[in-house]
Amino acid sequence: MALFGASALVIALFPSAHSRTNLVAMAKHIYTSTWRVLPWFTLATALFSLVLIRIVLVTALSYGLSQYALEMMVRVLVLELIPLGAALFVALRAGLAFNAGAAAPATHAGRSNEPVDFHNDVVPEVIASAFSVLSLAMVSSAIVLVLAYLNVYGLTLWGLVDYTRTVGRVFDPAVTAGFALKTILFGLAVAVIPMAAMLELSRQEGRTRSAASSTVQPGAMRLFFILLLIEAGSLAVKYI
């Protein structure tokens, strides 16, 4: 998986990987993995976040801790839950390996017994998956920040100064850099691990059919483990 990820990253940085054909393929993958699901994912995230915001706000008010409610919402939702939720959503939707035959590159490799074309098949899909995680996380985070303000201060501007001060206190330079790095690592993990697992299965003679018929592919457990490892490392750095 490390070799596959390094190869895809190196090829993606070369100008030859951004030919017109590859850009068209990349645009199609981005449209499928990001644009088509962005409204529904954003709506679902907003509804879930709205429920959680109300629970946190009401609980904080009942205990006289309303001054900490907004900071808690931002830390729990924006910094932790939304990036992880975006990564899991893209992984489950965009071709994890619940059915190895569903992936075009893996199917192509198993059918033709030829090496997969990284430039035309793999790199556009890897870039699109990573871009999808980043886009869904950033758009949802912005909407949740707006919802948090509306729930705490209502449809007025008088709380804007306190709100920006609180959010700015949460997003100090170190936390912002860690948040960006964690989201990028989530995107890379979701883009690389499922594809590497599917290519690995397609190259194993005599095991492709039995692996494809299983309910959960090995790439699923690897990806979930890596995502939890990244999240645990992020929490350890910030709070320990």
C-alpha atoms as a PDB file:
ATOM      1  CA  MET A   1       0.000   0.000   0.000  1.00  0.00           C
ATOM      2  CA  ALA A   2       2.865   2.379   0.779  1.00  0.00           C
ATOM      3  CA  LEU A   3       4.494   1.601  -2.576  1.00  0.00           C
ATOM      4  CA  PHE A   4       1.206   2.055  -4.395  1.00  0.00           C
ATOM      5  CA  GLY A   5       0.501   5.362  -2.656  1.00  0.00           C
ATOM      6  CA  ALA A   6       4.005   6.670  -3.311  1.00  0.00           C
ATOM      7  CA  SER A   7       3.808   5.673  -6.976  1.00  0.00           C
ATOM      8  CA  ALA A   8       0.417   7.324  -7.441  1.00  0.00           C
ATOM      9  CA  LEU A   9       1.592  10.487  -5.687  1.00  0.00           C
ATOM     10  CA  VAL A  10       4.769  10.748  -7.742  1.00  0.00           C
ATOM     11  CA  ILE A  11       2.901  10.201 -11.009  1.00  0.00           C
ATOM     12  CA  ALA A  12       0.255  12.756 -10.005  1.00  0.00           C
ATOM     13  CA  LEU A  13       2.978  15.393  -9.545  1.00  0.00           C
ATOM     14  CA  PHE A  14       4.337  14.940 -13.060  1.00  0.00           C
ATOM     15  CA  PRO A  15       2.952  17.232 -15.793  1.00  0.00           C
ATOM     16  CA  SER A  16       2.371  14.208 -18.036  1.00  0.00           C
ATOM     17  CA  ALA A  17      -0.296  12.998 -15.637  1.00  0.00           C
ATOM     18  CA  HIS A  18      -2.363  16.129 -16.322  1.00  0.00           C
ATOM     19  CA  SER A  19      -2.973  15.646 -20.008  1.00  0.00           C
ATOM     20  CA  ARG A  20      -6.345  16.500 -21.502  1.00  0.00           C
ATOM     21  CA  THR A  21      -7.466  12.863 -21.336  1.00  0.00           C
ATOM     22  CA  ASN A  22      -6.509  12.525 -17.699  1.00  0.00           C
ATOM     23  CA  LEU A  23      -8.103  15.845 -16.785  1.00  0.00           C
ATOM     24  CA  VAL A  24     -11.373  14.766 -18.388  1.00  0.00           C
ATOM     25  CA  ALA A  25     -11.251  11.434 -16.530  1.00  0.00           C
ATOM     26  CA  MET A  26     -10.409  13.244 -13.289  1.00  0.00           C
ATOM     27  CA  ALA A  27     -13.295  15.672 -13.801  1.00  0.00           C
ATOM     28  CA  LYS A  28     -15.702  12.772 -14.298  1.00  0.00           C
ATOM     29  CA  HIS A  29     -14.491  11.077 -11.120  1.00  0.00           C
ATOM     30  CA  ILE A  30     -14.741  14.337  -9.162  1.00  0.00           C
ATOM     31  CA  TYR A  31     -18.253  14.931 -10.473  1.00  0.00           C
ATOM     32  CA  THR A  32     -19.310  11.414  -9.455  1.00  0.00           C
ATOM     33  CA  SER A  33     -17.597  11.298  -6.061  1.00  0.00           C
ATOM     34  CA  THR A  34     -18.081  14.919  -4.971  1.00  0.00           C
ATOM     35  CA  TRP A  35     -20.524  17.092  -6.850  1.00  0.00           C
ATOM     36  CA  ARG A  36     -23.338  14.539  -7.134  1.00  0.00           C
ATOM     37  CA  VAL A  37     -23.281  13.708  -3.417  1.00  0.00           C
ATOM     38  CA  LEU A  38     -22.337  17.112  -1.987  1.00  0.00           C
ATOM     39  CA  PRO A  39     -25.933  18.400  -1.473  1.00  0.00           C
ATOM     40  CA  TRP A  40     -27.132  15.177   0.173  1.00  0.00           C
ATOM     41  CA  PHE A  41     -24.069  14.741   2.357  1.00  0.00           C
ATOM     42  CA  THR A  42     -24.205  18.396   3.390  1.00  0.00           C
ATOM     43  CA  LEU A  43     -27.903  18.136   4.228  1.00  0.00           C
ATOM     44  CA  ALA A  44     -27.403  14.960   6.263  1.00  0.00           C
ATOM     45  CA  THR A  45     -24.427  16.474   8.083  1.00  0.00           C
ATOM     46  CA  ALA A  46     -26.357  19.666   8.788  1.00  0.00           C
ATOM     47  CA  LEU A  47     -29.312  17.754  10.257  1.00  0.00           C
ATOM     48  CA  PHE A  48     -27.068  15.553  12.399  1.00  0.00           C
ATOM     49  CA  SER A  49     -25.039  18.553  13.539  1.00  0.00           C
ATOM     50  CA  LEU A  50     -28.181  20.556  14.314  1.00  0.00           C
ATOM     51  CA  VAL A  51     -29.439  17.814  16.624  1.00  0.00           C
ATOM     52  CA  LEU A  52     -26.072  17.529  18.346  1.00  0.00           C
ATOM     53  CA  ILE A  53     -25.751  21.316  18.665  1.00  0.00           C
ATOM     54  CA  ARG A  54     -29.139  21.557  20.344  1.00  0.00           C
ATOM     55  CA  ILE A  55     -28.281  18.736  22.756  1.00  0.00           C
ATOM     56  CA  VAL A  56     -24.970  20.332  23.711  1.00  0.00           C
ATOM     57  CA  LEU A  57     -26.508  23.805  24.026  1.00  0.00           C
ATOM     58  CA  VAL A  58     -29.436  22.709  26.180  1.00  0.00           C
ATOM     59  CA  THR A  59     -27.208  20.561  28.387  1.00  0.00           C
ATOM     60  CA  ALA A  60     -24.702  23.381  28.851  1.00  0.00           C
ATOM     61  CA  LEU A  61     -27.477  25.836  29.751  1.00  0.00           C
ATOM     62  CA  SER A  62     -28.966  23.444  32.294  1.00  0.00           C
ATOM     63  CA  TYR A  63     -25.603  23.163  34.080  1.00  0.00           C
ATOM     64  CA  GLY A  64     -24.741  26.864  33.804  1.00  0.00           C
ATOM     65  CA  LEU A  65     -21.874  26.221  31.376  1.00  0.00           C
ATOM     66  CA  SER A  66     -23.245  28.083  28.373  1.00  0.00           C
ATOM     67  CA  GLN A  67     -19.961  29.964  27.916  1.00  0.00           C
ATOM     68  CA  TYR A  68     -18.303  26.673  26.975  1.00  0.00           C
ATOM     69  CA  ALA A  69     -21.044  25.365  24.681  1.00  0.00           C
ATOM     70  CA  LEU A  70     -19.879  27.015  21.469  1.00  0.00           C
ATOM     71  CA  GLU A  71     -16.263  25.988  21.931  1.00  0.00           C
ATOM     72  CA  MET A  72     -17.345  22.413  22.643  1.00  0.00           C
ATOM     73  CA  MET A  73     -19.473  22.321  19.477  1.00  0.00           C
ATOM     74  CA  VAL A  74     -16.611  23.535  17.310  1.00  0.00           C
ATOM     75  CA  ARG A  75     -14.093  21.140  18.827  1.00  0.00           C
ATOM     76  CA  VAL A  76     -16.325  18.073  18.662  1.00  0.00           C
ATOM     77  CA  LEU A  77     -18.091  18.640  15.353  1.00  0.00           C
ATOM     78  CA  VAL A  78     -15.728  20.606  13.140  1.00  0.00           C
ATOM     79  CA  LEU A  79     -12.400  19.308  14.364  1.00  0.00           C
ATOM     80  CA  GLU A  80     -13.282  15.652  14.951  1.00  0.00           C
ATOM     81  CA  LEU A  81     -16.576  14.274  13.674  1.00  0.00           C
ATOM     82  CA  ILE A  82     -16.986  15.960  10.298  1.00  0.00           C
ATOM     83  CA  PRO A  83     -13.585  15.027   8.777  1.00  0.00           C
ATOM     84  CA  LEU A  84     -13.939  11.436   9.991  1.00  0.00           C
ATOM     85  CA  GLY A  85     -17.520  11.262   8.725  1.00  0.00           C
ATOM     86  CA  ALA A  86     -16.511  12.600   5.305  1.00  0.00           C
ATOM     87  CA  ALA A  87     -13.714  10.033   5.035  1.00  0.00           C
ATOM     88  CA  LEU A  88     -16.005   7.141   5.977  1.00  0.00           C
ATOM     89  CA  PHE A  89     -18.717   8.344   3.607  1.00  0.00           C
ATOM     90  CA  VAL A  90     -16.363   8.575   0.635  1.00  0.00           C
ATOM     91  CA  ALA A  91     -14.781   5.225   1.492  1.00  0.00           C
ATOM     92  CA  LEU A  92     -18.110   3.417   1.662  1.00  0.00           C
ATOM     93  CA  ARG A  93     -19.562   5.074  -1.408  1.00  0.00           C
ATOM     94  CA  ALA A  94     -16.679   5.573  -3.795  1.00  0.00           C
ATOM     95  CA  GLY A  95     -15.438   2.052  -4.070  1.00  0.00           C
ATOM     96  CA  LEU A  96     -14.173   0.482  -0.918  1.00  0.00           C
ATOM     97  CA  ALA A  97     -14.092  -3.225  -1.569  1.00  0.00           C
ATOM     98  CA  PHE A  98     -17.394  -4.639  -0.609  1.00  0.00           C
ATOM     99  CA  ASN A  99     -17.438  -5.918  -4.200  1.00  0.00           C
ATOM    100  CA  ALA A 100     -14.024  -6.074  -5.823  1.00  0.00           C
ATOM    101  CA  GLY A 101     -15.514  -6.482  -9.262  1.00  0.00           C
ATOM    102  CA  ALA A 102     -17.100  -3.050  -9.082  1.00  0.00           C
ATOM    103  CA  ALA A 103     -13.797  -1.218  -9.422  1.00  0.00           C
ATOM    104  CA  ALA A 104     -12.908  -0.459 -13.008  1.00  0.00           C
ATOM    105  CA  PRO A 105      -9.120  -0.631 -12.685  1.00  0.00           C
ATOM    106  CA  ALA A 106      -9.227  -3.896 -10.760  1.00  0.00           C
ATOM    107  CA  THR A 107     -11.717  -5.426 -13.177  1.00  0.00           C
ATOM    108  CA  HIS A 108      -9.650  -4.274 -16.109  1.00  0.00           C
ATOM    109  CA  ALA A 109      -6.546  -5.825 -14.625  1.00  0.00           C
ATOM    110  CA  GLY A 110      -8.282  -9.108 -13.872  1.00  0.00           C
ATOM    111  CA  ARG A 111      -9.781  -9.284 -17.364  1.00  0.00           C
ATOM    112  CA  SER A 112      -6.762  -8.459 -19.462  1.00  0.00           C
ATOM    113  CA  ASN A 113      -3.954  -9.704 -17.192  1.00  0.00           C
ATOM    114  CA  GLU A 114      -2.078  -6.521 -18.020  1.00  0.00           C
ATOM    115  CA  PRO A 115      -0.565  -3.953 -15.654  1.00  0.00           C
ATOM    116  CA  VAL A 116      -2.939  -1.223 -14.677  1.00  0.00           C
ATOM    117  CA  ASP A 117      -2.346   2.079 -16.459  1.00  0.00           C
ATOM    118  CA  PHE A 118      -1.591   4.422 -13.563  1.00  0.00           C
ATOM    119  CA  HIS A 119      -1.811   7.540 -15.705  1.00  0.00           C
ATOM    120  CA  ASN A 120      -5.242   6.859 -17.204  1.00  0.00           C
ATOM    121  CA  ASP A 121      -6.956   4.609 -14.667  1.00  0.00           C
ATOM    122  CA  VAL A 122      -5.545   4.945 -11.172  1.00  0.00           C
ATOM    123  CA  VAL A 123      -4.229   8.475 -10.711  1.00  0.00           C
ATOM    124  CA  PRO A 124      -7.468  10.303 -11.713  1.00  0.00           C
ATOM    125  CA  GLU A 125      -9.527   8.164  -9.342  1.00  0.00           C
ATOM    126  CA  VAL A 126      -7.046   8.551  -6.481  1.00  0.00           C
ATOM    127  CA  ILE A 127      -6.971  12.331  -6.879  1.00  0.00           C
ATOM    128  CA  ALA A 128     -10.768  12.492  -7.124  1.00  0.00           C
ATOM    129  CA  SER A 129     -11.264  10.450  -3.942  1.00  0.00           C
ATOM    130  CA  ALA A 130      -8.824  12.592  -1.965  1.00  0.00           C
ATOM    131  CA  PHE A 131     -10.439  15.762  -3.338  1.00  0.00           C
ATOM    132  CA  SER A 132     -13.881  14.440  -2.369  1.00  0.00           C
ATOM    133  CA  VAL A 133     -12.898  13.990   1.291  1.00  0.00           C
ATOM    134  CA  LEU A 134     -11.394  17.482   1.458  1.00  0.00           C
ATOM    135  CA  SER A 135     -14.364  19.116  -0.260  1.00  0.00           C
ATOM    136  CA  LEU A 136     -17.060  17.401   1.786  1.00  0.00           C
ATOM    137  CA  ALA A 137     -15.230  18.112   5.040  1.00  0.00           C
ATOM    138  CA  MET A 138     -14.591  21.789   4.287  1.00  0.00           C
ATOM    139  CA  VAL A 139     -18.091  22.603   3.008  1.00  0.00           C
ATOM    140  CA  SER A 140     -19.776  20.762   5.876  1.00  0.00           C
ATOM    141  CA  SER A 141     -17.503  22.445   8.437  1.00  0.00           C
ATOM    142  CA  ALA A 142     -18.416  25.893   7.102  1.00  0.00           C
ATOM    143  CA  ILE A 143     -22.137  25.113   7.277  1.00  0.00           C
ATOM    144  CA  VAL A 144     -21.840  23.728  10.801  1.00  0.00           C
ATOM    145  CA  LEU A 145     -20.065  26.902  11.929  1.00  0.00           C
ATOM    146  CA  VAL A 146     -23.001  28.934  10.587  1.00  0.00           C
ATOM    147  CA  LEU A 147     -25.516  26.643  12.307  1.00  0.00           C
ATOM    148  CA  ALA A 148     -23.637  26.932  15.579  1.00  0.00           C
ATOM    149  CA  TYR A 149     -23.778  30.727  15.419  1.00  0.00           C
ATOM    150  CA  LEU A 150     -27.495  30.747  14.609  1.00  0.00           C
ATOM    151  CA  ASN A 151     -28.319  28.390  17.482  1.00  0.00           C
ATOM    152  CA  VAL A 152     -26.284  30.341  20.027  1.00  0.00           C
ATOM    153  CA  TYR A 153     -26.947  33.950  18.964  1.00  0.00           C
ATOM    154  CA  GLY A 154     -29.933  33.755  16.623  1.00  0.00           C
ATOM    155  CA  LEU A 155     -30.544  35.911  13.546  1.00  0.00           C
ATOM    156  CA  THR A 156     -28.597  38.892  14.840  1.00  0.00           C
ATOM    157  CA  LEU A 157     -25.117  40.302  14.381  1.00  0.00           C
ATOM    158  CA  TRP A 158     -24.512  41.357  17.971  1.00  0.00           C
ATOM    159  CA  GLY A 159     -22.736  38.117  18.835  1.00  0.00           C
ATOM    160  CA  LEU A 160     -20.389  38.139  15.861  1.00  0.00           C
ATOM    161  CA  VAL A 161     -17.459  39.555  17.839  1.00  0.00           C
ATOM    162  CA  ASP A 162     -17.730  36.984  20.628  1.00  0.00           C
ATOM    163  CA  TYR A 163     -18.290  34.222  18.087  1.00  0.00           C
ATOM    164  CA  THR A 164     -15.231  35.036  16.005  1.00  0.00           C
ATOM    165  CA  ARG A 165     -13.151  35.385  19.172  1.00  0.00           C
ATOM    166  CA  THR A 166     -14.244  31.944  20.393  1.00  0.00           C
ATOM    167  CA  VAL A 167     -13.726  30.241  17.034  1.00  0.00           C
ATOM    168  CA  GLY A 168     -10.383  31.978  16.637  1.00  0.00           C
ATOM    169  CA  ARG A 169      -9.332  30.733  20.059  1.00  0.00           C
ATOM    170  CA  VAL A 170     -10.158  27.187  18.993  1.00  0.00           C
ATOM    171  CA  PHE A 171      -8.490  27.469  15.591  1.00  0.00           C
ATOM    172  CA  ASP A 172      -5.089  28.678  16.711  1.00  0.00           C
ATOM    173  CA  PRO A 173      -2.238  28.103  14.206  1.00  0.00           C
ATOM    174  CA  ALA A 174      -1.242  24.720  15.652  1.00  0.00           C
ATOM    175  CA  VAL A 175      -4.805  23.371  15.716  1.00  0.00           C
ATOM    176  CA  THR A 176      -5.514  24.692  12.211  1.00  0.00           C
ATOM    177  CA  ALA A 177      -2.396  23.035  10.835  1.00  0.00           C
ATOM    178  CA  GLY A 178      -3.289  19.791  12.597  1.00  0.00           C
ATOM    179  CA  PHE A 179      -6.852  19.930  11.279  1.00  0.00           C
ATOM    180  CA  ALA A 180      -5.658  20.463   7.711  1.00  0.00           C
ATOM    181  CA  LEU A 181      -3.038  17.715   8.004  1.00  0.00           C
ATOM    182  CA  LYS A 182      -5.529  15.245   9.474  1.00  0.00           C
ATOM    183  CA  THR A 183      -8.053  15.918   6.707  1.00  0.00           C
ATOM    184  CA  ILE A 184      -5.378  15.494   4.034  1.00  0.00           C
ATOM    185  CA  LEU A 185      -4.249  12.217   5.595  1.00  0.00           C
ATOM    186  CA  PHE A 186      -7.865  11.042   5.683  1.00  0.00           C
ATOM    187  CA  GLY A 187      -8.183  11.867   1.995  1.00  0.00           C
ATOM    188  CA  LEU A 188      -4.980  10.052   1.082  1.00  0.00           C
ATOM    189  CA  ALA A 189      -5.974   6.988   3.106  1.00  0.00           C
ATOM    190  CA  VAL A 190      -9.408   6.791   1.487  1.00  0.00           C
ATOM    191  CA  ALA A 191      -7.910   7.297  -1.964  1.00  0.00           C
ATOM    192  CA  VAL A 192      -5.018   4.838  -1.683  1.00  0.00           C
ATOM    193  CA  ILE A 193      -5.963   1.931   0.588  1.00  0.00           C
ATOM    194  CA  PRO A 194      -9.160   0.662  -1.141  1.00  0.00           C
ATOM    195  CA  MET A 195      -7.571   0.921  -4.587  1.00  0.00           C
ATOM    196  CA  ALA A 196      -4.415  -0.849  -3.436  1.00  0.00           C
ATOM    197  CA  ALA A 197      -6.485  -3.620  -1.847  1.00  0.00           C
ATOM    198  CA  MET A 198      -8.550  -4.126  -4.996  1.00  0.00           C
ATOM    199  CA  LEU A 199      -5.486  -4.243  -7.217  1.00  0.00           C
ATOM    200  CA  GLU A 200      -3.883  -6.684  -4.827  1.00  0.00           C
ATOM    201  CA  LEU A 201      -6.924  -8.953  -4.947  1.00  0.00           C
ATOM    202  CA  SER A 202      -7.109  -8.786  -8.728  1.00  0.00           C
ATOM    203  CA  ARG A 203      -3.502  -9.975  -9.013  1.00  0.00           C
ATOM    204  CA  GLN A 204      -3.901 -12.983  -6.737  1.00  0.00           C
ATOM    205  CA  GLU A 205      -4.480 -15.968  -9.000  1.00  0.00           C
ATOM    206  CA  GLY A 206      -7.232 -18.311  -7.934  1.00  0.00           C
ATOM    207  CA  ARG A 207      -8.461 -15.999  -5.141  1.00  0.00           C
ATOM    208  CA  THR A 208     -10.157 -13.182  -7.003  1.00  0.00           C
ATOM    209  CA  ARG A 209     -13.592 -14.762  -7.230  1.00  0.00           C
ATOM    210  CA  SER A 210     -13.704 -15.991  -3.645  1.00  0.00           C
ATOM    211  CA  ALA A 211     -12.436 -12.631  -2.359  1.00  0.00           C
ATOM    212  CA  ALA A 212     -14.919 -10.702  -4.461  1.00  0.00           C
ATOM    213  CA  SER A 213     -17.795 -12.775  -3.107  1.00  0.00           C
ATOM    214  CA  SER A 214     -16.947 -12.044   0.528  1.00  0.00           C
ATOM    215  CA  THR A 215     -18.932  -9.439   2.422  1.00  0.00           C
ATOM    216  CA  VAL A 216     -16.013  -7.317   3.627  1.00  0.00           C
ATOM    217  CA  GLN A 217     -12.730  -7.089   1.785  1.00  0.00           C
ATOM    218  CA  PRO A 218      -9.333  -6.818   3.514  1.00  0.00           C
ATOM    219  CA  GLY A 219      -9.039  -3.206   2.415  1.00  0.00           C
ATOM    220  CA  ALA A 220     -11.995  -2.259   4.618  1.00  0.00           C
ATOM    221  CA  MET A 221     -10.320  -3.320   7.846  1.00  0.00           C
ATOM    222  CA  ARG A 222      -7.027  -1.746   6.797  1.00  0.00           C
ATOM    223  CA  LEU A 223      -8.713   1.539   5.994  1.00  0.00           C
ATOM    224  CA  PHE A 224     -10.742   1.674   9.204  1.00  0.00           C
ATOM    225  CA  PHE A 225      -7.633   0.878  11.216  1.00  0.00           C
ATOM    226  CA  ILE A 226      -5.623   3.634   9.509  1.00  0.00           C
ATOM    227  CA  LEU A 227      -8.438   6.163   9.951  1.00  0.00           C
ATOM    228  CA  LEU A 228      -8.747   5.356  13.648  1.00  0.00           C
ATOM    229  CA  LEU A 229      -4.964   5.516  13.996  1.00  0.00           C
ATOM    230  CA  ILE A 230      -4.883   8.985  12.400  1.00  0.00           C
ATOM    231  CA  GLU A 231      -7.759  10.174  14.607  1.00  0.00           C
ATOM    232  CA  ALA A 232      -6.169   8.748  17.755  1.00  0.00           C
ATOM    233  CA  GLY A 233      -2.835  10.350  16.896  1.00  0.00           C
ATOM    234  CA  SER A 234      -4.551  13.699  16.325  1.00  0.00           C
ATOM    235  CA  LEU A 235      -6.342  13.513  19.674  1.00  0.00           C
ATOM    236  CA  ALA A 236      -3.158  12.499  21.462  1.00  0.00           C
ATOM    237  CA  VAL A 237      -1.204  15.421  20.019  1.00  0.00           C
ATOM    238  CA  LYS A 238      -3.921  17.956  20.885  1.00  0.00           C
ATOM    239  CA  TYR A 239      -5.036  16.815  24.321  1.00  0.00           C
ATOM    240  CA  ILE A 240      -2.230  14.788  25.903  1.00  0.00           C
END
